[in-house]
Amino acid sequence: MESSQPGGRQRRTALSQINVTPFVDVMLVLLVIFIITAPLLTHAIRLDLPSAQAPASAEKPETITLSVVPSGALFLNNEPVAGIDALDARFAQAATGQPQPELHLRADRETRYQRIAEVMASAQQAGITKIGFVTEPRKARGSAAD
């Protein structure tokens, strides 16, 4: 690799091969470490847990169903409601119950969104916090009802 030149100067040449021995040594050490630690990672601790039976909660929140037809008429639990003012009073009465009742809102596809927003605002002002929208499940494609 070194060659003598006249005048006492030596010329160095680059090595054309890469020394992979340190790389192989490191890889073998890592392999041994992984072989030793892999079984430790899958070791499970066996526990004998106690069993307990808890009774089912007897309190289920009351469900209020409000239906809105395309004309804007309101039906609370299948009973007609005179208007939004009467609905406010019914919501205020229902909101005082414990646990808090759930409002299930059923609206026809053709109902104006403004009417639905008024009903939701009325429920919120009365203190009803749980509102769910009831929809029809989609029919399978290719059925005659499409």
N, C-alpha and C. Protein backbone atom coordinates (compact mmCIF):
# COMPACT_ATOMS: atom_id res chain seq x y z
N MET A 1 0.79 -1.16 0.00
CA MET A 1 0.00 0.00 0.00
C MET A 1 0.85 1.25 0.00
N GLU A 2 1.97 1.13 0.58
CA GLU A 2 2.87 2.27 0.58
C GLU A 2 3.97 2.00 -0.43
N SER A 3 4.31 3.00 -1.18
CA SER A 3 5.39 2.84 -2.14
C SER A 3 6.43 3.92 -1.90
N SER A 4 7.64 3.55 -2.13
CA SER A 4 8.72 4.50 -1.92
C SER A 4 8.93 5.30 -3.18
N GLN A 5 9.14 6.56 -2.98
CA GLN A 5 9.42 7.44 -4.10
C GLN A 5 10.81 8.03 -3.88
N PRO A 6 11.42 8.48 -4.95
CA PRO A 6 12.73 9.10 -4.76
C PRO A 6 12.60 10.33 -3.88
N GLY A 7 13.50 10.56 -3.08
CA GLY A 7 13.52 11.70 -2.18
C GLY A 7 13.00 11.34 -0.81
N GLY A 8 12.69 10.08 -0.53
CA GLY A 8 12.27 9.64 0.78
C GLY A 8 10.81 9.85 1.08
N ARG A 9 10.04 10.29 0.14
CA ARG A 9 8.60 10.49 0.39
C ARG A 9 7.85 9.20 0.10
N GLN A 10 6.89 8.92 0.93
CA GLN A 10 6.09 7.72 0.73
C GLN A 10 4.69 8.13 0.25
N ARG A 11 4.17 7.40 -0.66
CA ARG A 11 2.86 7.69 -1.21
C ARG A 11 1.85 6.68 -0.66
N ARG A 12 0.75 7.18 -0.15
CA ARG A 12 -0.28 6.29 0.39
C ARG A 12 -1.38 6.11 -0.65
N THR A 13 -1.89 4.92 -0.74
CA THR A 13 -2.99 4.63 -1.66
C THR A 13 -4.20 4.17 -0.84
N ALA A 14 -5.36 4.46 -1.33
CA ALA A 14 -6.59 4.07 -0.63
C ALA A 14 -6.83 2.58 -0.77
N LEU A 15 -7.43 2.03 0.29
CA LEU A 15 -7.78 0.62 0.24
C LEU A 15 -9.01 0.46 -0.64
N SER A 16 -9.03 -0.53 -1.45
CA SER A 16 -10.16 -0.74 -2.35
C SER A 16 -11.18 -1.71 -1.79
N GLN A 17 -10.94 -2.27 -0.62
CA GLN A 17 -11.87 -3.20 -0.02
C GLN A 17 -12.36 -2.65 1.32
N ILE A 18 -13.64 -2.96 1.65
CA ILE A 18 -14.22 -2.53 2.91
C ILE A 18 -14.03 -3.65 3.93
N ASN A 19 -13.60 -3.29 5.10
CA ASN A 19 -13.41 -4.27 6.16
C ASN A 19 -14.75 -4.46 6.88
N VAL A 20 -15.40 -5.61 6.72
CA VAL A 20 -16.72 -5.88 7.31
C VAL A 20 -16.63 -6.64 8.62
N THR A 21 -15.45 -6.93 9.09
CA THR A 21 -15.30 -7.69 10.33
C THR A 21 -15.94 -6.99 11.52
N PRO A 22 -15.74 -5.69 11.75
CA PRO A 22 -16.42 -5.05 12.89
C PRO A 22 -17.95 -5.07 12.75
N PHE A 23 -18.43 -4.93 11.54
CA PHE A 23 -19.87 -4.98 11.30
C PHE A 23 -20.44 -6.35 11.66
N VAL A 24 -19.77 -7.40 11.25
CA VAL A 24 -20.22 -8.76 11.55
C VAL A 24 -20.15 -9.01 13.05
N ASP A 25 -19.14 -8.51 13.72
CA ASP A 25 -19.03 -8.68 15.17
C ASP A 25 -20.21 -8.03 15.89
N VAL A 26 -20.55 -6.83 15.49
CA VAL A 26 -21.67 -6.12 16.12
C VAL A 26 -22.97 -6.86 15.86
N MET A 27 -23.17 -7.35 14.65
CA MET A 27 -24.40 -8.08 14.32
C MET A 27 -24.52 -9.37 15.13
N LEU A 28 -23.42 -10.07 15.33
CA LEU A 28 -23.46 -11.30 16.11
C LEU A 28 -23.78 -11.00 17.59
N VAL A 29 -23.24 -9.93 18.11
CA VAL A 29 -23.55 -9.55 19.50
C VAL A 29 -25.03 -9.21 19.63
N LEU A 30 -25.56 -8.44 18.68
CA LEU A 30 -26.99 -8.12 18.71
C LEU A 30 -27.87 -9.36 18.59
N LEU A 31 -27.46 -10.29 17.74
CA LEU A 31 -28.22 -11.54 17.58
C LEU A 31 -28.27 -12.31 18.90
N VAL A 32 -27.15 -12.40 19.58
CA VAL A 32 -27.12 -13.11 20.87
C VAL A 32 -28.00 -12.40 21.89
N ILE A 33 -27.97 -11.07 21.91
CA ILE A 33 -28.81 -10.32 22.84
C ILE A 33 -30.28 -10.57 22.56
N PHE A 34 -30.68 -10.55 21.29
CA PHE A 34 -32.09 -10.80 20.96
C PHE A 34 -32.50 -12.22 21.26
N ILE A 35 -31.62 -13.18 21.06
CA ILE A 35 -31.95 -14.57 21.38
C ILE A 35 -32.18 -14.73 22.88
N ILE A 36 -31.43 -14.02 23.68
CA ILE A 36 -31.57 -14.14 25.13
C ILE A 36 -32.80 -13.39 25.63
N THR A 37 -33.09 -12.20 25.08
CA THR A 37 -34.18 -11.37 25.62
C THR A 37 -35.55 -11.70 25.04
N ALA A 38 -35.64 -12.32 23.89
CA ALA A 38 -36.94 -12.60 23.27
C ALA A 38 -37.84 -13.46 24.16
N PRO A 39 -37.35 -14.53 24.76
CA PRO A 39 -38.26 -15.31 25.64
C PRO A 39 -38.72 -14.52 26.87
N LEU A 40 -37.95 -13.56 27.32
CA LEU A 40 -38.35 -12.78 28.49
C LEU A 40 -39.50 -11.84 28.17
N LEU A 41 -39.60 -11.40 26.92
CA LEU A 41 -40.67 -10.48 26.55
C LEU A 41 -42.03 -11.17 26.47
N THR A 42 -42.05 -12.46 26.22
CA THR A 42 -43.32 -13.18 26.10
C THR A 42 -43.73 -13.88 27.39
N HIS A 43 -42.99 -13.71 28.43
CA HIS A 43 -43.30 -14.36 29.70
C HIS A 43 -44.53 -13.70 30.32
N ALA A 44 -45.51 -14.49 30.68
CA ALA A 44 -46.74 -13.98 31.28
C ALA A 44 -46.75 -14.29 32.77
N ILE A 45 -47.35 -13.41 33.51
CA ILE A 45 -47.49 -13.61 34.96
C ILE A 45 -48.87 -14.19 35.22
N ARG A 46 -48.91 -15.29 35.90
CA ARG A 46 -50.18 -15.95 36.18
C ARG A 46 -50.77 -15.34 37.45
N LEU A 47 -52.02 -14.86 37.32
CA LEU A 47 -52.72 -14.27 38.45
C LEU A 47 -54.03 -14.99 38.67
N ASP A 48 -54.37 -15.20 39.91
CA ASP A 48 -55.65 -15.78 40.26
C ASP A 48 -56.53 -14.64 40.78
N LEU A 49 -57.33 -14.06 39.87
CA LEU A 49 -58.13 -12.89 40.21
C LEU A 49 -59.41 -13.27 40.92
N PRO A 50 -59.85 -12.45 41.86
CA PRO A 50 -61.12 -12.74 42.54
C PRO A 50 -62.29 -12.46 41.60
N SER A 51 -63.38 -13.14 41.83
CA SER A 51 -64.58 -12.90 41.02
C SER A 51 -65.60 -12.18 41.87
N ALA A 52 -66.35 -11.30 41.24
CA ALA A 52 -67.37 -10.54 41.95
C ALA A 52 -68.58 -10.41 41.04
N GLN A 53 -69.73 -10.48 41.62
CA GLN A 53 -70.98 -10.33 40.89
C GLN A 53 -71.60 -9.01 41.29
N ALA A 54 -71.83 -8.15 40.33
CA ALA A 54 -72.49 -6.88 40.60
C ALA A 54 -73.88 -6.93 39.98
N PRO A 55 -74.89 -6.51 40.74
CA PRO A 55 -76.24 -6.54 40.16
C PRO A 55 -76.35 -5.51 39.04
N ALA A 56 -77.18 -5.82 38.08
CA ALA A 56 -77.41 -4.89 36.97
C ALA A 56 -78.08 -3.64 37.49
N SER A 57 -77.74 -2.54 36.90
CA SER A 57 -78.31 -1.26 37.32
C SER A 57 -79.81 -1.26 37.03
N ALA A 58 -80.58 -1.03 38.07
CA ALA A 58 -82.03 -1.05 37.92
C ALA A 58 -82.54 0.25 37.30
N GLU A 59 -81.76 1.32 37.44
CA GLU A 59 -82.20 2.61 36.94
C GLU A 59 -81.86 2.75 35.47
N LYS A 60 -82.85 2.80 34.65
CA LYS A 60 -82.66 3.09 33.24
C LYS A 60 -83.30 4.45 33.00
N PRO A 61 -82.60 5.30 32.28
CA PRO A 61 -83.19 6.62 32.08
C PRO A 61 -84.47 6.54 31.26
N GLU A 62 -85.37 7.42 31.59
CA GLU A 62 -86.63 7.50 30.86
C GLU A 62 -86.33 7.95 29.43
N THR A 63 -87.10 7.46 28.50
CA THR A 63 -86.93 7.84 27.11
C THR A 63 -88.14 8.64 26.67
N ILE A 64 -87.87 9.81 26.12
CA ILE A 64 -88.93 10.65 25.57
C ILE A 64 -88.79 10.59 24.05
N THR A 65 -89.87 10.26 23.37
CA THR A 65 -89.84 10.20 21.92
C THR A 65 -90.61 11.38 21.36
N LEU A 66 -89.94 12.16 20.54
CA LEU A 66 -90.57 13.32 19.90
C LEU A 66 -90.55 13.10 18.40
N SER A 67 -91.74 13.10 17.80
CA SER A 67 -91.86 12.92 16.35
C SER A 67 -92.25 14.25 15.72
N VAL A 68 -91.61 14.55 14.59
CA VAL A 68 -91.90 15.78 13.85
C VAL A 68 -92.30 15.36 12.44
N VAL A 69 -93.53 15.75 12.05
CA VAL A 69 -94.03 15.40 10.72
C VAL A 69 -93.68 16.54 9.75
N PRO A 70 -93.76 16.29 8.44
CA PRO A 70 -93.37 17.32 7.47
C PRO A 70 -94.10 18.65 7.62
N SER A 71 -95.33 18.62 8.10
CA SER A 71 -96.08 19.87 8.27
C SER A 71 -95.57 20.68 9.45
N GLY A 72 -94.73 20.07 10.32
CA GLY A 72 -94.20 20.76 11.49
C GLY A 72 -94.91 20.42 12.77
N ALA A 73 -95.95 19.58 12.70
CA ALA A 73 -96.68 19.18 13.90
C ALA A 73 -95.79 18.30 14.77
N LEU A 74 -95.95 18.43 16.08
CA LEU A 74 -95.13 17.72 17.04
C LEU A 74 -95.94 16.69 17.80
N PHE A 75 -95.33 15.52 18.05
CA PHE A 75 -95.96 14.45 18.82
C PHE A 75 -94.97 13.99 19.87
N LEU A 76 -95.30 14.19 21.14
CA LEU A 76 -94.44 13.78 22.25
C LEU A 76 -95.01 12.49 22.82
N ASN A 77 -94.23 11.42 22.71
CA ASN A 77 -94.68 10.08 23.11
C ASN A 77 -96.02 9.74 22.46
N ASN A 78 -96.14 10.01 21.17
CA ASN A 78 -97.32 9.74 20.33
C ASN A 78 -98.54 10.56 20.71
N GLU A 79 -98.38 11.60 21.51
CA GLU A 79 -99.49 12.51 21.84
C GLU A 79 -99.21 13.86 21.19
N PRO A 80 -100.20 14.45 20.51
CA PRO A 80 -99.95 15.74 19.85
C PRO A 80 -99.64 16.85 20.87
N VAL A 81 -98.74 17.73 20.47
CA VAL A 81 -98.35 18.87 21.30
C VAL A 81 -98.79 20.12 20.55
N ALA A 82 -99.41 21.08 21.27
CA ALA A 82 -100.02 22.25 20.64
C ALA A 82 -98.99 23.12 19.92
N GLY A 83 -97.84 23.30 20.46
CA GLY A 83 -96.84 24.16 19.82
C GLY A 83 -95.54 24.11 20.58
N ILE A 84 -94.62 24.96 20.19
CA ILE A 84 -93.30 24.95 20.80
C ILE A 84 -93.35 25.40 22.25
N ASP A 85 -94.31 26.29 22.61
CA ASP A 85 -94.43 26.73 24.01
C ASP A 85 -94.89 25.59 24.91
N ALA A 86 -95.85 24.81 24.43
CA ALA A 86 -96.30 23.64 25.19
C ALA A 86 -95.18 22.61 25.30
N LEU A 87 -94.37 22.51 24.25
CA LEU A 87 -93.25 21.58 24.27
C LEU A 87 -92.21 22.02 25.30
N ASP A 88 -91.97 23.33 25.39
CA ASP A 88 -91.03 23.85 26.40
C ASP A 88 -91.45 23.43 27.80
N ALA A 89 -92.74 23.54 28.10
CA ALA A 89 -93.24 23.17 29.42
C ALA A 89 -93.09 21.68 29.67
N ARG A 90 -93.36 20.86 28.67
CA ARG A 90 -93.23 19.40 28.82
C ARG A 90 -91.77 19.00 29.01
N PHE A 91 -90.87 19.66 28.27
CA PHE A 91 -89.44 19.37 28.41
C PHE A 91 -88.95 19.78 29.80
N ALA A 92 -89.38 20.95 30.29
CA ALA A 92 -88.96 21.42 31.61
C ALA A 92 -89.41 20.45 32.70
N GLN A 93 -90.62 19.92 32.55
CA GLN A 93 -91.14 18.95 33.52
C GLN A 93 -90.33 17.66 33.46
N ALA A 94 -90.02 17.19 32.26
CA ALA A 94 -89.27 15.94 32.11
C ALA A 94 -87.83 16.08 32.57
N ALA A 95 -87.23 17.26 32.41
CA ALA A 95 -85.83 17.46 32.77
C ALA A 95 -85.59 17.43 34.28
N THR A 96 -86.64 17.59 35.08
CA THR A 96 -86.48 17.58 36.53
C THR A 96 -86.30 16.17 37.07
N GLY A 97 -86.63 15.16 36.28
CA GLY A 97 -86.52 13.77 36.74
C GLY A 97 -85.08 13.32 36.88
N GLN A 98 -84.87 12.36 37.76
CA GLN A 98 -83.55 11.76 37.94
C GLN A 98 -83.67 10.28 37.69
N PRO A 99 -82.87 9.67 36.89
CA PRO A 99 -81.81 10.23 36.07
C PRO A 99 -82.37 11.04 34.91
N GLN A 100 -81.51 11.81 34.31
CA GLN A 100 -81.88 12.69 33.20
C GLN A 100 -82.49 11.86 32.06
N PRO A 101 -83.67 12.26 31.54
CA PRO A 101 -84.28 11.48 30.45
C PRO A 101 -83.52 11.68 29.14
N GLU A 102 -83.67 10.71 28.26
CA GLU A 102 -83.07 10.79 26.93
C GLU A 102 -84.17 11.19 25.95
N LEU A 103 -83.84 12.08 25.03
CA LEU A 103 -84.79 12.51 24.02
C LEU A 103 -84.44 11.82 22.72
N HIS A 104 -85.38 11.06 22.18
CA HIS A 104 -85.22 10.43 20.88
C HIS A 104 -86.03 11.24 19.88
N LEU A 105 -85.35 11.84 18.94
CA LEU A 105 -85.96 12.74 17.97
C LEU A 105 -86.16 12.00 16.65
N ARG A 106 -87.43 11.89 16.25
CA ARG A 106 -87.78 11.25 14.98
C ARG A 106 -88.36 12.33 14.08
N ALA A 107 -87.72 12.57 12.96
CA ALA A 107 -88.20 13.59 12.04
C ALA A 107 -88.32 12.98 10.65
N ASP A 108 -89.38 13.37 9.96
CA ASP A 108 -89.59 12.91 8.59
C ASP A 108 -88.51 13.50 7.70
N ARG A 109 -88.22 12.82 6.62
CA ARG A 109 -87.21 13.26 5.68
C ARG A 109 -87.51 14.64 5.11
N GLU A 110 -88.77 14.96 4.98
CA GLU A 110 -89.19 16.22 4.36
C GLU A 110 -89.34 17.36 5.38
N THR A 111 -89.08 17.11 6.66
CA THR A 111 -89.23 18.13 7.69
C THR A 111 -88.15 19.20 7.50
N ARG A 112 -88.55 20.46 7.67
CA ARG A 112 -87.60 21.57 7.55
C ARG A 112 -86.63 21.53 8.72
N TYR A 113 -85.37 21.81 8.43
CA TYR A 113 -84.35 21.78 9.47
C TYR A 113 -84.62 22.84 10.54
N GLN A 114 -85.23 23.94 10.16
CA GLN A 114 -85.53 25.00 11.12
C GLN A 114 -86.39 24.46 12.26
N ARG A 115 -87.36 23.64 11.93
CA ARG A 115 -88.25 23.07 12.96
C ARG A 115 -87.47 22.14 13.89
N ILE A 116 -86.57 21.35 13.32
CA ILE A 116 -85.75 20.44 14.13
C ILE A 116 -84.83 21.24 15.04
N ALA A 117 -84.25 22.32 14.52
CA ALA A 117 -83.38 23.18 15.33
C ALA A 117 -84.15 23.82 16.48
N GLU A 118 -85.40 24.23 16.24
CA GLU A 118 -86.22 24.81 17.31
C GLU A 118 -86.47 23.78 18.41
N VAL A 119 -86.75 22.56 18.03
CA VAL A 119 -87.01 21.50 19.01
C VAL A 119 -85.74 21.22 19.82
N MET A 120 -84.59 21.15 19.15
CA MET A 120 -83.34 20.88 19.86
C MET A 120 -82.99 22.03 20.81
N ALA A 121 -83.23 23.26 20.39
CA ALA A 121 -82.97 24.42 21.26
C ALA A 121 -83.89 24.40 22.47
N SER A 122 -85.14 24.01 22.27
CA SER A 122 -86.09 23.92 23.37
C SER A 122 -85.64 22.88 24.38
N ALA A 123 -85.17 21.74 23.90
CA ALA A 123 -84.70 20.68 24.80
C ALA A 123 -83.45 21.14 25.56
N GLN A 124 -82.57 21.82 24.88
CA GLN A 124 -81.36 22.29 25.54
C GLN A 124 -81.67 23.34 26.60
N GLN A 125 -82.59 24.25 26.33
CA GLN A 125 -82.96 25.27 27.31
C GLN A 125 -83.64 24.65 28.52
N ALA A 126 -84.35 23.55 28.32
CA ALA A 126 -85.01 22.88 29.44
C ALA A 126 -84.01 22.08 30.29
N GLY A 127 -82.82 21.82 29.75
CA GLY A 127 -81.81 21.08 30.51
C GLY A 127 -81.64 19.65 30.10
N ILE A 128 -82.24 19.25 28.99
CA ILE A 128 -82.07 17.88 28.51
C ILE A 128 -80.78 17.83 27.71
N THR A 129 -79.85 16.98 28.14
CA THR A 129 -78.53 16.96 27.51
C THR A 129 -78.33 15.77 26.58
N LYS A 130 -79.14 14.74 26.70
CA LYS A 130 -78.97 13.55 25.86
C LYS A 130 -80.05 13.54 24.78
N ILE A 131 -79.62 13.79 23.53
CA ILE A 131 -80.54 13.80 22.39
C ILE A 131 -80.02 12.81 21.37
N GLY A 132 -80.89 11.94 20.92
CA GLY A 132 -80.53 10.98 19.89
C GLY A 132 -81.47 11.09 18.71
N PHE A 133 -80.96 10.85 17.52
CA PHE A 133 -81.76 10.90 16.31
C PHE A 133 -82.11 9.48 15.89
N VAL A 134 -83.40 9.24 15.68
CA VAL A 134 -83.87 7.93 15.28
C VAL A 134 -84.04 7.94 13.76
N THR A 135 -83.43 6.98 13.10
CA THR A 135 -83.51 6.89 11.64
C THR A 135 -83.94 5.49 11.24
N GLU A 136 -84.31 5.38 10.00
CA GLU A 136 -84.65 4.07 9.45
C GLU A 136 -83.38 3.44 8.90
N PRO A 137 -83.21 2.15 9.07
CA PRO A 137 -82.01 1.51 8.49
C PRO A 137 -82.11 1.53 6.96
N ARG A 138 -80.96 1.60 6.32
CA ARG A 138 -80.95 1.58 4.86
C ARG A 138 -81.37 0.22 4.37
N LYS A 139 -82.11 0.25 3.30
CA LYS A 139 -82.56 -1.01 2.69
C LYS A 139 -81.42 -1.56 1.83
N ALA A 140 -81.39 -2.87 1.67
CA ALA A 140 -80.36 -3.48 0.85
C ALA A 140 -80.53 -3.06 -0.60
N ARG A 141 -79.41 -2.89 -1.27
CA ARG A 141 -79.46 -2.48 -2.68
C ARG A 141 -80.12 -3.58 -3.52
N GLY A 142 -80.87 -3.13 -4.49
CA GLY A 142 -81.54 -4.08 -5.37
C GLY A 142 -82.92 -4.46 -4.90
N SER A 143 -83.38 -3.90 -3.77
CA SER A 143 -84.71 -4.23 -3.31
C SER A 143 -85.73 -3.40 -4.08
N ALA A 144 -86.97 -3.80 -4.05
CA ALA A 144 -88.02 -3.14 -4.83
C ALA A 144 -88.36 -1.77 -4.25
N ALA A 145 -88.01 -1.51 -2.97
CA ALA A 145 -88.37 -0.25 -2.33
C ALA A 145 -87.44 0.90 -2.74
N ASP A 146 -86.34 0.62 -3.44
CA ASP A 146 -85.41 1.68 -3.85
C ASP A 146 -86.09 2.52 -4.83
